[in-house]
């Protein structure tokens, strides 16, 4: 995974954690651990490399339910969220 995409994914996870009220809940410790793990991977991947075209920016999350669920699924498929984290965020979104 390119570092630019990983940065966008980490930022999206942080936004989703805040938006879905996951931050500060019992899910907090596993999410922090996963975020720390991804940040460590990003730091390792940031070795000097030849200049490349910037990675495309992540599409902003829409206000509708389908786009938020699609974004969550994409984060899970990319390995940013575990299946449990995905389910917790999905249930939080569906209960709103």
N, C-alpha and C. Protein backbone atom coordinates (compact mmCIF):
# COMPACT_ATOMS: atom_id res chain seq x y z
N UNK A 1 0.86 -1.17 0.00
CA UNK A 1 0.00 0.00 0.00
C UNK A 1 0.90 1.23 0.00
N UNK A 2 0.57 2.20 -0.81
CA UNK A 2 1.35 3.43 -0.89
C UNK A 2 1.16 4.26 0.38
N UNK A 3 2.21 4.95 0.82
CA UNK A 3 2.10 5.75 2.04
C UNK A 3 0.99 6.79 1.98
N UNK A 4 0.77 7.41 0.85
CA UNK A 4 -0.28 8.42 0.73
C UNK A 4 -1.66 7.85 0.98
N UNK A 5 -1.88 6.64 0.48
CA UNK A 5 -3.17 5.99 0.69
C UNK A 5 -3.32 5.61 2.16
N UNK A 6 -2.23 5.14 2.77
CA UNK A 6 -2.27 4.77 4.18
C UNK A 6 -2.57 5.98 5.05
N UNK A 7 -1.98 7.12 4.72
CA UNK A 7 -2.25 8.34 5.48
C UNK A 7 -3.72 8.72 5.37
N UNK A 8 -4.26 8.64 4.16
CA UNK A 8 -5.68 8.96 3.96
C UNK A 8 -6.56 7.98 4.73
N UNK A 9 -6.18 6.71 4.74
CA UNK A 9 -6.96 5.71 5.45
C UNK A 9 -6.93 5.96 6.96
N UNK A 10 -5.76 6.29 7.48
CA UNK A 10 -5.64 6.57 8.92
C UNK A 10 -6.47 7.79 9.28
N UNK A 11 -6.42 8.81 8.45
CA UNK A 11 -7.23 10.01 8.71
C UNK A 11 -8.72 9.67 8.66
N UNK A 12 -9.11 8.84 7.71
CA UNK A 12 -10.52 8.45 7.60
C UNK A 12 -10.96 7.66 8.83
N UNK A 13 -10.09 6.79 9.34
CA UNK A 13 -10.42 6.03 10.55
C UNK A 13 -10.62 6.97 11.72
N UNK A 14 -9.74 7.96 11.86
CA UNK A 14 -9.87 8.91 12.97
C UNK A 14 -11.19 9.67 12.87
N UNK A 15 -11.54 10.10 11.67
CA UNK A 15 -12.80 10.83 11.48
C UNK A 15 -13.98 9.92 11.79
N UNK A 16 -13.92 8.69 11.33
CA UNK A 16 -15.02 7.75 11.59
C UNK A 16 -15.13 7.43 13.08
N UNK A 17 -14.00 7.30 13.76
CA UNK A 17 -14.04 7.01 15.20
C UNK A 17 -14.76 8.14 15.93
N UNK A 18 -14.46 9.35 15.55
CA UNK A 18 -15.11 10.50 16.19
C UNK A 18 -16.58 10.55 15.79
N UNK A 19 -16.86 10.39 14.50
CA UNK A 19 -18.23 10.49 13.99
C UNK A 19 -19.14 9.42 14.58
N UNK A 20 -18.61 8.22 14.76
CA UNK A 20 -19.44 7.13 15.26
C UNK A 20 -19.34 6.96 16.76
N UNK A 21 -18.62 7.84 17.43
CA UNK A 21 -18.54 7.79 18.89
C UNK A 21 -17.77 6.60 19.41
N UNK A 22 -16.90 6.02 18.58
CA UNK A 22 -16.12 4.87 19.02
C UNK A 22 -15.00 5.31 19.95
N UNK A 23 -14.41 6.45 19.70
CA UNK A 23 -13.33 6.94 20.55
C UNK A 23 -13.85 7.12 21.96
N UNK A 24 -13.14 6.56 22.92
CA UNK A 24 -13.53 6.69 24.31
C UNK A 24 -14.42 5.55 24.79
N UNK A 25 -14.80 4.65 23.90
CA UNK A 25 -15.62 3.51 24.32
C UNK A 25 -14.71 2.32 24.63
N UNK A 26 -15.32 1.19 24.89
CA UNK A 26 -14.53 -0.01 25.17
C UNK A 26 -13.71 -0.41 23.95
N UNK A 27 -14.14 -0.01 22.78
CA UNK A 27 -13.42 -0.31 21.55
C UNK A 27 -12.13 0.51 21.44
N UNK A 28 -11.94 1.46 22.33
CA UNK A 28 -10.85 2.42 22.22
C UNK A 28 -9.49 1.75 22.20
N UNK A 29 -9.21 0.84 23.12
CA UNK A 29 -7.89 0.23 23.19
C UNK A 29 -7.53 -0.56 21.93
N UNK A 30 -8.40 -1.44 21.41
CA UNK A 30 -8.06 -2.14 20.17
C UNK A 30 -7.89 -1.18 18.99
N UNK A 31 -8.69 -0.13 18.94
CA UNK A 31 -8.57 0.82 17.84
C UNK A 31 -7.26 1.59 17.95
N UNK A 32 -6.90 2.00 19.17
CA UNK A 32 -5.63 2.69 19.35
C UNK A 32 -4.46 1.79 18.97
N UNK A 33 -4.54 0.54 19.37
CA UNK A 33 -3.47 -0.40 19.04
C UNK A 33 -3.36 -0.56 17.53
N UNK A 34 -4.49 -0.69 16.84
CA UNK A 34 -4.48 -0.85 15.38
C UNK A 34 -3.93 0.41 14.71
N UNK A 35 -4.36 1.58 15.21
CA UNK A 35 -3.88 2.84 14.66
C UNK A 35 -2.38 2.97 14.86
N UNK A 36 -1.90 2.62 16.04
CA UNK A 36 -0.46 2.66 16.31
C UNK A 36 0.31 1.71 15.41
N UNK A 37 -0.27 0.53 15.18
CA UNK A 37 0.37 -0.44 14.29
C UNK A 37 0.46 0.12 12.87
N UNK A 38 -0.60 0.72 12.39
CA UNK A 38 -0.60 1.29 11.04
C UNK A 38 0.38 2.45 10.93
N UNK A 39 0.44 3.27 11.98
CA UNK A 39 1.40 4.38 11.95
C UNK A 39 2.83 3.86 11.93
N UNK A 40 3.11 2.80 12.65
CA UNK A 40 4.45 2.20 12.64
C UNK A 40 4.79 1.66 11.26
N UNK A 41 3.83 1.02 10.62
CA UNK A 41 4.04 0.51 9.27
C UNK A 41 4.31 1.65 8.30
N UNK A 42 3.59 2.74 8.48
CA UNK A 42 3.78 3.90 7.61
C UNK A 42 5.19 4.46 7.77
N UNK A 43 5.65 4.55 9.00
CA UNK A 43 6.99 5.09 9.25
C UNK A 43 8.05 4.21 8.58
N UNK A 44 7.87 2.90 8.63
CA UNK A 44 8.81 1.98 8.00
C UNK A 44 8.79 2.13 6.48
N UNK A 45 7.63 2.41 5.93
CA UNK A 45 7.48 2.50 4.48
C UNK A 45 7.97 3.82 3.92
N UNK A 46 8.29 4.79 4.78
CA UNK A 46 8.67 6.11 4.30
C UNK A 46 10.18 6.22 4.08
N UNK A 47 10.75 5.23 3.45
CA UNK A 47 12.16 5.30 3.08
C UNK A 47 12.27 6.19 1.85
N UNK A 48 13.41 6.86 1.68
CA UNK A 48 13.57 7.72 0.50
C UNK A 48 13.34 6.91 -0.78
N UNK A 49 12.53 7.44 -1.63
CA UNK A 49 12.20 6.78 -2.89
C UNK A 49 12.14 7.84 -3.99
N UNK A 50 12.25 7.42 -5.23
CA UNK A 50 12.14 8.39 -6.31
C UNK A 50 10.77 9.07 -6.27
N UNK A 51 10.76 10.32 -6.70
CA UNK A 51 9.51 11.09 -6.69
C UNK A 51 8.48 10.40 -7.59
N UNK A 52 7.29 10.28 -7.07
CA UNK A 52 6.20 9.66 -7.81
C UNK A 52 5.01 10.61 -7.79
N UNK A 53 4.08 10.36 -8.67
CA UNK A 53 2.86 11.18 -8.70
C UNK A 53 2.14 11.01 -7.38
N UNK A 54 1.54 12.08 -6.86
CA UNK A 54 0.82 11.96 -5.59
C UNK A 54 -0.35 11.00 -5.72
N UNK A 55 -0.61 10.30 -4.63
CA UNK A 55 -1.74 9.36 -4.62
C UNK A 55 -3.04 10.15 -4.68
N UNK A 56 -4.04 9.59 -5.34
CA UNK A 56 -5.32 10.30 -5.39
C UNK A 56 -5.90 10.44 -3.98
N UNK A 57 -6.50 11.57 -3.75
CA UNK A 57 -7.10 11.83 -2.43
C UNK A 57 -8.31 10.93 -2.24
N UNK A 58 -8.53 10.52 -1.01
CA UNK A 58 -9.69 9.69 -0.71
C UNK A 58 -10.96 10.51 -0.93
N UNK A 59 -11.96 9.86 -1.47
CA UNK A 59 -13.23 10.55 -1.71
C UNK A 59 -13.86 10.93 -0.37
N UNK A 60 -14.38 12.14 -0.26
CA UNK A 60 -15.00 12.53 1.01
C UNK A 60 -16.24 11.71 1.28
N UNK A 61 -16.45 11.42 2.53
CA UNK A 61 -17.62 10.63 2.90
C UNK A 61 -18.88 11.46 2.69
N UNK A 62 -19.87 10.85 2.09
CA UNK A 62 -21.14 11.54 1.88
C UNK A 62 -21.96 11.52 3.15
N UNK A 63 -23.07 12.23 3.12
CA UNK A 63 -23.92 12.28 4.29
C UNK A 63 -24.92 11.14 4.32
N UNK A 64 -25.01 10.39 3.25
CA UNK A 64 -26.03 9.35 3.24
C UNK A 64 -25.47 8.03 3.78
N UNK A 65 -26.35 7.20 4.23
CA UNK A 65 -26.01 5.94 4.87
C UNK A 65 -25.21 5.02 3.97
N UNK A 66 -25.59 4.93 2.71
CA UNK A 66 -24.92 4.01 1.79
C UNK A 66 -23.46 4.39 1.60
N UNK A 67 -23.16 5.66 1.43
CA UNK A 67 -21.77 6.05 1.21
C UNK A 67 -20.93 5.82 2.46
N UNK A 68 -21.50 6.02 3.64
CA UNK A 68 -20.76 5.78 4.88
C UNK A 68 -20.49 4.28 5.06
N UNK A 69 -21.49 3.46 4.76
CA UNK A 69 -21.28 2.02 4.86
C UNK A 69 -20.26 1.54 3.84
N UNK A 70 -20.32 2.10 2.63
CA UNK A 70 -19.36 1.75 1.59
C UNK A 70 -17.95 2.13 2.01
N UNK A 71 -17.80 3.30 2.61
CA UNK A 71 -16.48 3.73 3.07
C UNK A 71 -15.96 2.80 4.17
N UNK A 72 -16.83 2.43 5.11
CA UNK A 72 -16.43 1.49 6.16
C UNK A 72 -15.97 0.16 5.56
N UNK A 73 -16.73 -0.34 4.60
CA UNK A 73 -16.39 -1.62 3.96
C UNK A 73 -15.05 -1.51 3.25
N UNK A 74 -14.81 -0.38 2.58
CA UNK A 74 -13.53 -0.17 1.91
C UNK A 74 -12.37 -0.16 2.89
N UNK A 75 -12.58 0.45 4.06
CA UNK A 75 -11.53 0.47 5.08
C UNK A 75 -11.27 -0.94 5.61
N UNK A 76 -12.32 -1.72 5.76
CA UNK A 76 -12.13 -3.10 6.22
C UNK A 76 -11.40 -3.91 5.15
N UNK A 77 -11.80 -3.76 3.89
CA UNK A 77 -11.17 -4.49 2.79
C UNK A 77 -9.70 -4.11 2.65
N UNK A 78 -9.37 -2.85 2.97
CA UNK A 78 -7.97 -2.39 2.87
C UNK A 78 -7.15 -2.82 4.08
N UNK A 79 -7.80 -3.42 5.08
CA UNK A 79 -7.07 -3.88 6.25
C UNK A 79 -6.92 -2.82 7.33
N UNK A 80 -7.57 -1.68 7.15
CA UNK A 80 -7.47 -0.61 8.14
C UNK A 80 -8.35 -0.93 9.34
N UNK A 81 -9.51 -1.51 9.10
CA UNK A 81 -10.43 -1.91 10.17
C UNK A 81 -10.51 -3.42 10.23
N UNK A 82 -10.59 -3.97 11.43
CA UNK A 82 -10.86 -5.40 11.56
C UNK A 82 -12.35 -5.62 11.35
N UNK A 83 -12.73 -6.89 11.23
CA UNK A 83 -14.15 -7.20 11.05
C UNK A 83 -14.96 -6.74 12.26
N UNK A 84 -14.40 -6.89 13.45
CA UNK A 84 -15.10 -6.45 14.67
C UNK A 84 -15.26 -4.93 14.70
N UNK A 85 -14.21 -4.22 14.31
CA UNK A 85 -14.28 -2.75 14.29
C UNK A 85 -15.30 -2.29 13.25
N UNK A 86 -15.31 -2.96 12.10
CA UNK A 86 -16.29 -2.65 11.05
C UNK A 86 -17.71 -2.84 11.57
N UNK A 87 -17.95 -3.99 12.22
CA UNK A 87 -19.30 -4.28 12.73
C UNK A 87 -19.72 -3.27 13.78
N UNK A 88 -18.80 -2.89 14.67
CA UNK A 88 -19.14 -1.91 15.71
C UNK A 88 -19.50 -0.57 15.09
N UNK A 89 -18.71 -0.11 14.13
CA UNK A 89 -18.98 1.15 13.47
C UNK A 89 -20.28 1.08 12.67
N UNK A 90 -20.51 -0.05 12.00
CA UNK A 90 -21.73 -0.22 11.21
C UNK A 90 -22.96 -0.19 12.11
N UNK A 91 -22.90 -0.90 13.23
CA UNK A 91 -24.05 -0.92 14.14
C UNK A 91 -24.30 0.48 14.71
N UNK A 92 -23.25 1.22 15.03
CA UNK A 92 -23.39 2.57 15.53
C UNK A 92 -24.09 3.44 14.47
N UNK A 93 -23.66 3.30 13.23
CA UNK A 93 -24.24 4.09 12.14
C UNK A 93 -25.70 3.70 11.91
N UNK A 94 -26.01 2.43 11.93
CA UNK A 94 -27.36 1.98 11.68
C UNK A 94 -28.32 2.34 12.82
N UNK A 95 -27.78 2.53 14.01
CA UNK A 95 -28.64 2.85 15.16
C UNK A 95 -28.98 4.33 15.23
N UNK A 96 -28.36 5.14 14.41
CA UNK A 96 -28.60 6.60 14.44
C UNK A 96 -29.89 6.94 13.74
